C-alpha atoms as a PDB file:
ATOM      1  CA  MET A   1      -2.933  28.071  12.398  1.00  0.00           C
ATOM      2  CA  LYS A   2      -5.140  26.386   9.820  1.00  0.00           C
ATOM      3  CA  ALA A   3      -4.359  22.826   8.664  1.00  0.00           C
ATOM      4  CA  VAL A   4      -3.518  22.456   4.996  1.00  0.00           C
ATOM      5  CA  GLU A   5      -5.251  19.608   3.177  1.00  0.00           C
ATOM      6  CA  GLU A   6      -2.769  17.935   0.923  1.00  0.00           C
ATOM      7  CA  THR A   7      -3.799  15.432  -1.696  1.00  0.00           C
ATOM      8  CA  ILE A   8      -2.818  11.856  -0.916  1.00  0.00           C
ATOM      9  CA  GLN A   9      -1.413   9.986  -3.910  1.00  0.00           C
ATOM     10  CA  VAL A  10      -2.538   6.352  -3.899  1.00  0.00           C
ATOM     11  CA  PHE A  11      -0.808   3.863  -6.182  1.00  0.00           C
ATOM     12  CA  ILE A  12      -2.363   0.437  -6.672  1.00  0.00           C
ATOM     13  CA  THR A  13      -0.078  -2.497  -7.506  1.00  0.00           C
ATOM     14  CA  GLY A  14      -2.312  -5.476  -6.704  1.00  0.00           C
ATOM     15  CA  GLY A  15      -1.571  -8.030  -4.033  1.00  0.00           C
ATOM     16  CA  THR A  16      -4.098  -9.784  -1.811  1.00  0.00           C
ATOM     17  CA  PHE A  17      -5.548  -6.359  -1.037  1.00  0.00           C
ATOM     18  CA  ASP A  18      -7.350  -6.248  -4.405  1.00  0.00           C
ATOM     19  CA  LYS A  19      -7.968  -9.917  -5.115  1.00  0.00           C
ATOM     20  CA  ASP A  20     -11.483 -11.187  -5.740  1.00  0.00           C
ATOM     21  CA  TYR A  21     -12.780 -14.633  -4.913  1.00  0.00           C
ATOM     22  CA  ASN A  22     -14.336 -17.019  -7.419  1.00  0.00           C
ATOM     23  CA  PHE A  23     -16.966 -18.833  -5.342  1.00  0.00           C
ATOM     24  CA  ILE A  24     -17.218 -21.662  -7.890  1.00  0.00           C
ATOM     25  CA  THR A  25     -13.523 -22.531  -8.326  1.00  0.00           C
ATOM     26  CA  GLY A  26     -12.274 -21.136  -5.013  1.00  0.00           C
ATOM     27  CA  GLU A  27      -9.531 -19.216  -6.814  1.00  0.00           C
ATOM     28  CA  LEU A  28      -8.367 -15.701  -6.076  1.00  0.00           C
ATOM     29  CA  TYR A  29      -7.989 -13.395  -9.077  1.00  0.00           C
ATOM     30  CA  PHE A  30      -7.699  -9.730 -10.052  1.00  0.00           C
ATOM     31  CA  LYS A  31     -10.598  -7.875 -11.605  1.00  0.00           C
ATOM     32  CA  ASP A  32     -10.351  -4.225 -10.570  1.00  0.00           C
ATOM     33  CA  THR A  33      -9.202  -2.262  -7.544  1.00  0.00           C
ATOM     34  CA  HIS A  34     -11.515  -1.934  -4.553  1.00  0.00           C
ATOM     35  CA  MET A  35      -9.906   1.385  -3.599  1.00  0.00           C
ATOM     36  CA  HIS A  36     -12.749   3.670  -4.675  1.00  0.00           C
ATOM     37  CA  ASP A  37     -15.299   1.568  -2.771  1.00  0.00           C
ATOM     38  CA  MET A  38     -13.057   1.506   0.290  1.00  0.00           C
ATOM     39  CA  MET A  39     -12.663   5.287   0.261  1.00  0.00           C
ATOM     40  CA  ASP A  40     -16.416   5.730  -0.063  1.00  0.00           C
ATOM     41  CA  ARG A  41     -17.242   3.190   2.673  1.00  0.00           C
ATOM     42  CA  GLY A  42     -14.628   4.715   4.954  1.00  0.00           C
ATOM     43  CA  ARG A  43     -16.158   8.172   4.365  1.00  0.00           C
ATOM     44  CA  CYS A  44     -12.693   9.443   3.486  1.00  0.00           C
ATOM     45  CA  ASN A  45     -13.067  13.083   2.541  1.00  0.00           C
ATOM     46  CA  LEU A  46      -9.368  13.770   2.002  1.00  0.00           C
ATOM     47  CA  PRO A  47      -8.429  14.735  -1.523  1.00  0.00           C
ATOM     48  CA  THR A  48      -6.915  11.659  -3.165  1.00  0.00           C
ATOM     49  CA  ASP A  49      -5.363  10.908  -6.530  1.00  0.00           C
ATOM     50  CA  ILE A  50      -5.811   7.161  -7.144  1.00  0.00           C
ATOM     51  CA  LYS A  51      -3.868   5.494  -9.948  1.00  0.00           C
ATOM     52  CA  THR A  52      -3.613   1.804 -10.779  1.00  0.00           C
ATOM     53  CA  LEU A  53      -0.051   0.990 -11.820  1.00  0.00           C
ATOM     54  CA  MET A  54      -0.508  -2.778 -12.087  1.00  0.00           C
ATOM     55  CA  MET A  55      -2.657  -5.574 -10.700  1.00  0.00           C
ATOM     56  CA  ILE A  56      -0.300  -8.455  -9.948  1.00  0.00           C
ATOM     57  CA  ASP A  57       0.607 -10.764  -7.117  1.00  0.00           C
ATOM     58  CA  SER A  58       3.655  -9.427  -5.277  1.00  0.00           C
ATOM     59  CA  LEU A  59       5.498 -12.708  -5.813  1.00  0.00           C
ATOM     60  CA  LYS A  60       5.573 -11.748  -9.511  1.00  0.00           C
ATOM     61  CA  ILE A  61       6.922  -8.236  -8.938  1.00  0.00           C
ATOM     62  CA  THR A  62      10.433  -7.783 -10.311  1.00  0.00           C
ATOM     63  CA  ASP A  63      12.741  -4.789 -10.500  1.00  0.00           C
ATOM     64  CA  THR A  64      10.994  -3.853 -13.762  1.00  0.00           C
ATOM     65  CA  GLU A  65       7.737  -3.279 -11.858  1.00  0.00           C
ATOM     66  CA  ARG A  66       9.642  -1.608  -9.040  1.00  0.00           C
ATOM     67  CA  GLN A  67      11.085   0.838 -11.578  1.00  0.00           C
ATOM     68  CA  ILE A  68       7.523   1.692 -12.666  1.00  0.00           C
ATOM     69  CA  ILE A  69       6.514   2.268  -9.037  1.00  0.00           C
ATOM     70  CA  SER A  70       9.603   4.380  -8.377  1.00  0.00           C
ATOM     71  CA  TYR A  71       9.118   6.463 -11.525  1.00  0.00           C
ATOM     72  CA  ASN A  72       5.513   7.198 -10.575  1.00  0.00           C
ATOM     73  CA  CYS A  73       6.525   8.182  -7.027  1.00  0.00           C
ATOM     74  CA  GLN A  74       9.170  10.538  -8.403  1.00  0.00           C
ATOM     75  CA  GLN A  75       6.779  12.060 -10.943  1.00  0.00           C
ATOM     76  CA  SER A  76       3.827  12.467  -8.580  1.00  0.00           C
ATOM     77  CA  PRO A  77       3.103  16.114  -7.765  1.00  0.00           C
ATOM     78  CA  HIS A  78       2.021  14.949  -4.290  1.00  0.00           C
ATOM     79  CA  ASP A  79       4.320  14.575  -1.284  1.00  0.00           C
ATOM     80  CA  ASN A  80       2.271  11.954   0.607  1.00  0.00           C
ATOM     81  CA  ILE A  81       2.056   8.594  -1.156  1.00  0.00           C
ATOM     82  CA  VAL A  82       0.327   5.338  -0.181  1.00  0.00           C
ATOM     83  CA  ILE A  83       1.101   2.204  -2.189  1.00  0.00           C
ATOM     84  CA  THR A  84      -1.054  -0.901  -1.909  1.00  0.00           C
ATOM     85  CA  HIS A  85       1.169  -3.931  -2.392  1.00  0.00           C
ATOM     86  CA  GLY A  86       1.221  -7.650  -1.745  1.00  0.00           C
ATOM     87  CA  THR A  87       2.760  -8.516   1.594  1.00  0.00           C
ATOM     88  CA  ASP A  88       5.136 -11.224   0.337  1.00  0.00           C
ATOM     89  CA  THR A  89       7.566  -8.770  -1.314  1.00  0.00           C
ATOM     90  CA  MET A  90       6.454  -5.466   0.192  1.00  0.00           C
ATOM     91  CA  THR A  91       9.723  -5.048   2.104  1.00  0.00           C
ATOM     92  CA  GLU A  92      11.801  -5.637  -1.042  1.00  0.00           C
ATOM     93  CA  THR A  93       9.864  -2.954  -2.924  1.00  0.00           C
ATOM     94  CA  GLY A  94      10.164  -0.596   0.038  1.00  0.00           C
ATOM     95  CA  LYS A  95      13.945  -1.059   0.172  1.00  0.00           C
ATOM     96  CA  TYR A  96      14.155  -0.560  -3.596  1.00  0.00           C
ATOM     97  CA  LEU A  97      12.251   2.735  -3.287  1.00  0.00           C
ATOM     98  CA  LYS A  98      14.461   3.864  -0.409  1.00  0.00           C
ATOM     99  CA  ASP A  99      17.561   3.136  -2.523  1.00  0.00           C
ATOM    100  CA  GLN A 100      16.182   5.429  -5.252  1.00  0.00           C
ATOM    101  CA  ASN A 101      16.620   8.443  -2.913  1.00  0.00           C
ATOM    102  CA  ILE A 102      13.228   9.918  -3.741  1.00  0.00           C
ATOM    103  CA  LYS A 103      13.397  13.370  -2.172  1.00  0.00           C
ATOM    104  CA  ASP A 104      10.772  15.219  -0.138  1.00  0.00           C
ATOM    105  CA  LYS A 105       8.133  12.441  -0.154  1.00  0.00           C
ATOM    106  CA  THR A 106       6.577  10.282   2.524  1.00  0.00           C
ATOM    107  CA  ILE A 107       5.887   6.869   0.985  1.00  0.00           C
ATOM    108  CA  VAL A 108       3.903   4.254   2.902  1.00  0.00           C
ATOM    109  CA  LEU A 109       3.390   0.731   1.574  1.00  0.00           C
ATOM    110  CA  THR A 110       0.487  -1.308   2.921  1.00  0.00           C
ATOM    111  CA  GLY A 111      -1.382  -4.449   2.076  1.00  0.00           C
ATOM    112  CA  ALA A 112      -3.668  -7.138   3.410  1.00  0.00           C
ATOM    113  CA  MET A 113      -3.410 -10.745   4.466  1.00  0.00           C
ATOM    114  CA  ILE A 114      -7.106 -11.294   3.661  1.00  0.00           C
ATOM    115  CA  PRO A 115      -8.692  -9.798   0.505  1.00  0.00           C
ATOM    116  CA  TYR A 116     -11.025  -6.825   0.923  1.00  0.00           C
ATOM    117  CA  ALA A 117     -13.586  -8.829  -1.091  1.00  0.00           C
ATOM    118  CA  PHE A 118     -13.915 -11.172   1.930  1.00  0.00           C
ATOM    119  CA  GLY A 119     -15.779  -8.413   3.797  1.00  0.00           C
ATOM    120  CA  SER A 120     -15.408  -7.702   7.474  1.00  0.00           C
ATOM    121  CA  SER A 121     -12.771 -10.410   7.964  1.00  0.00           C
ATOM    122  CA  SER A 122     -10.285  -8.454   5.790  1.00  0.00           C
ATOM    123  CA  ASP A 123      -7.551  -6.420   7.421  1.00  0.00           C
ATOM    124  CA  GLY A 124      -7.189  -4.297   4.267  1.00  0.00           C
ATOM    125  CA  PHE A 125      -9.667  -1.628   5.315  1.00  0.00           C
ATOM    126  CA  PHE A 126      -7.900  -1.042   8.637  1.00  0.00           C
ATOM    127  CA  ASN A 127      -4.441  -1.110   7.051  1.00  0.00           C
ATOM    128  CA  LEU A 128      -5.469   1.422   4.406  1.00  0.00           C
ATOM    129  CA  GLY A 129      -6.764   3.877   7.005  1.00  0.00           C
ATOM    130  CA  ALA A 130      -3.602   3.572   9.065  1.00  0.00           C
ATOM    131  CA  ALA A 131      -1.394   4.027   5.983  1.00  0.00           C
ATOM    132  CA  ILE A 132      -3.248   7.180   4.952  1.00  0.00           C
ATOM    133  CA  ALA A 133      -2.833   8.609   8.457  1.00  0.00           C
ATOM    134  CA  PHE A 134       0.866   7.682   8.629  1.00  0.00           C
ATOM    135  CA  ALA A 135       1.511   9.184   5.170  1.00  0.00           C
ATOM    136  CA  GLN A 136       0.288  12.522   6.519  1.00  0.00           C
ATOM    137  CA  ALA A 137       2.074  12.360   9.870  1.00  0.00           C
ATOM    138  CA  LEU A 138       5.492  10.799   9.270  1.00  0.00           C
ATOM    139  CA  PRO A 139       8.559  12.678   8.021  1.00  0.00           C
ATOM    140  CA  CYS A 140       9.831  12.063   4.496  1.00  0.00           C
ATOM    141  CA  GLY A 141      11.028   8.506   3.978  1.00  0.00           C
ATOM    142  CA  VAL A 142       9.790   5.046   3.040  1.00  0.00           C
ATOM    143  CA  TYR A 143       7.695   3.018   5.481  1.00  0.00           C
ATOM    144  CA  ILE A 144       5.643  -0.164   5.772  1.00  0.00           C
ATOM    145  CA  SER A 145       2.303   0.098   7.569  1.00  0.00           C
ATOM    146  CA  MET A 146       0.515  -3.051   8.693  1.00  0.00           C
ATOM    147  CA  ASN A 147      -1.763  -3.921  11.615  1.00  0.00           C
ATOM    148  CA  GLY A 148      -1.868  -0.355  12.982  1.00  0.00           C
ATOM    149  CA  ARG A 149       1.919  -0.006  13.140  1.00  0.00           C
ATOM    150  CA  TYR A 150       4.508   1.602  10.920  1.00  0.00           C
ATOM    151  CA  PHE A 151       8.074   0.483  10.324  1.00  0.00           C
ATOM    152  CA  ASP A 152      11.155   1.855   8.584  1.00  0.00           C
ATOM    153  CA  VAL A 153      11.708  -0.435   5.587  1.00  0.00           C
ATOM    154  CA  GLU A 154      15.224  -1.285   6.753  1.00  0.00           C
ATOM    155  CA  GLU A 155      13.993  -2.547  10.118  1.00  0.00           C
ATOM    156  CA  VAL A 156      10.972  -4.679   9.230  1.00  0.00           C
ATOM    157  CA  GLU A 157      10.263  -8.234   8.189  1.00  0.00           C
ATOM    158  CA  LYS A 158       7.167 -10.312   7.634  1.00  0.00           C
ATOM    159  CA  ASN A 159       6.918 -13.135  10.149  1.00  0.00           C
ATOM    160  CA  ARG A 160       5.732 -15.922   7.864  1.00  0.00           C
ATOM    161  CA  SER A 161       4.532 -18.087  10.773  1.00  0.00           C
ATOM    162  CA  THR A 162       2.235 -15.452  12.288  1.00  0.00           C
ATOM    163  CA  GLY A 163       1.456 -13.301   9.234  1.00  0.00           C
ATOM    164  CA  TYR A 164       2.396 -10.136  11.134  1.00  0.00           C
ATOM    165  CA  PHE A 165       5.100  -7.613  10.336  1.00  0.00           C
ATOM    166  CA  GLN A 166       7.685  -7.033  13.046  1.00  0.00           C
ATOM    167  CA  ILE A 167      10.994  -5.341  13.747  1.00  0.00           C
ATOM    168  CA  LYS A 168      13.913  -7.559  12.665  1.00  0.00           C
END
């Protein structure tokens, strides 16, 4: 049997994943997504549909932004969806999406603790690759993928002392 290549929908929402660093002021800020560069550097040859929904820190995401994310997930013609998101409120957005009962889609939220712009010290590149793989392999549902693991959104929390996601 031949494998079917399905397009991966990628939605960008911001978060540390896409922050840039101002070397003069030391501030982190948003300029543009790094997603296209990451896909090229990772030699990803899967068909992808990349769309920036917003570029904001996850601490500023409200249910208004979550409605935008949900609407785009529902309207996407693709069944496998990866959402880049800030880690501070990633679980809240994941639970919101699960409550929307989006049918027949595998949705994986991922992020980074260190911006991709910081180079090889960033975990974003690794987390993105894992999320893309999990989006293709997991059954329909909403998941968080961080540090090579995946979690059901109802069973995960961010450990704020270690910076890792873990089962509650």
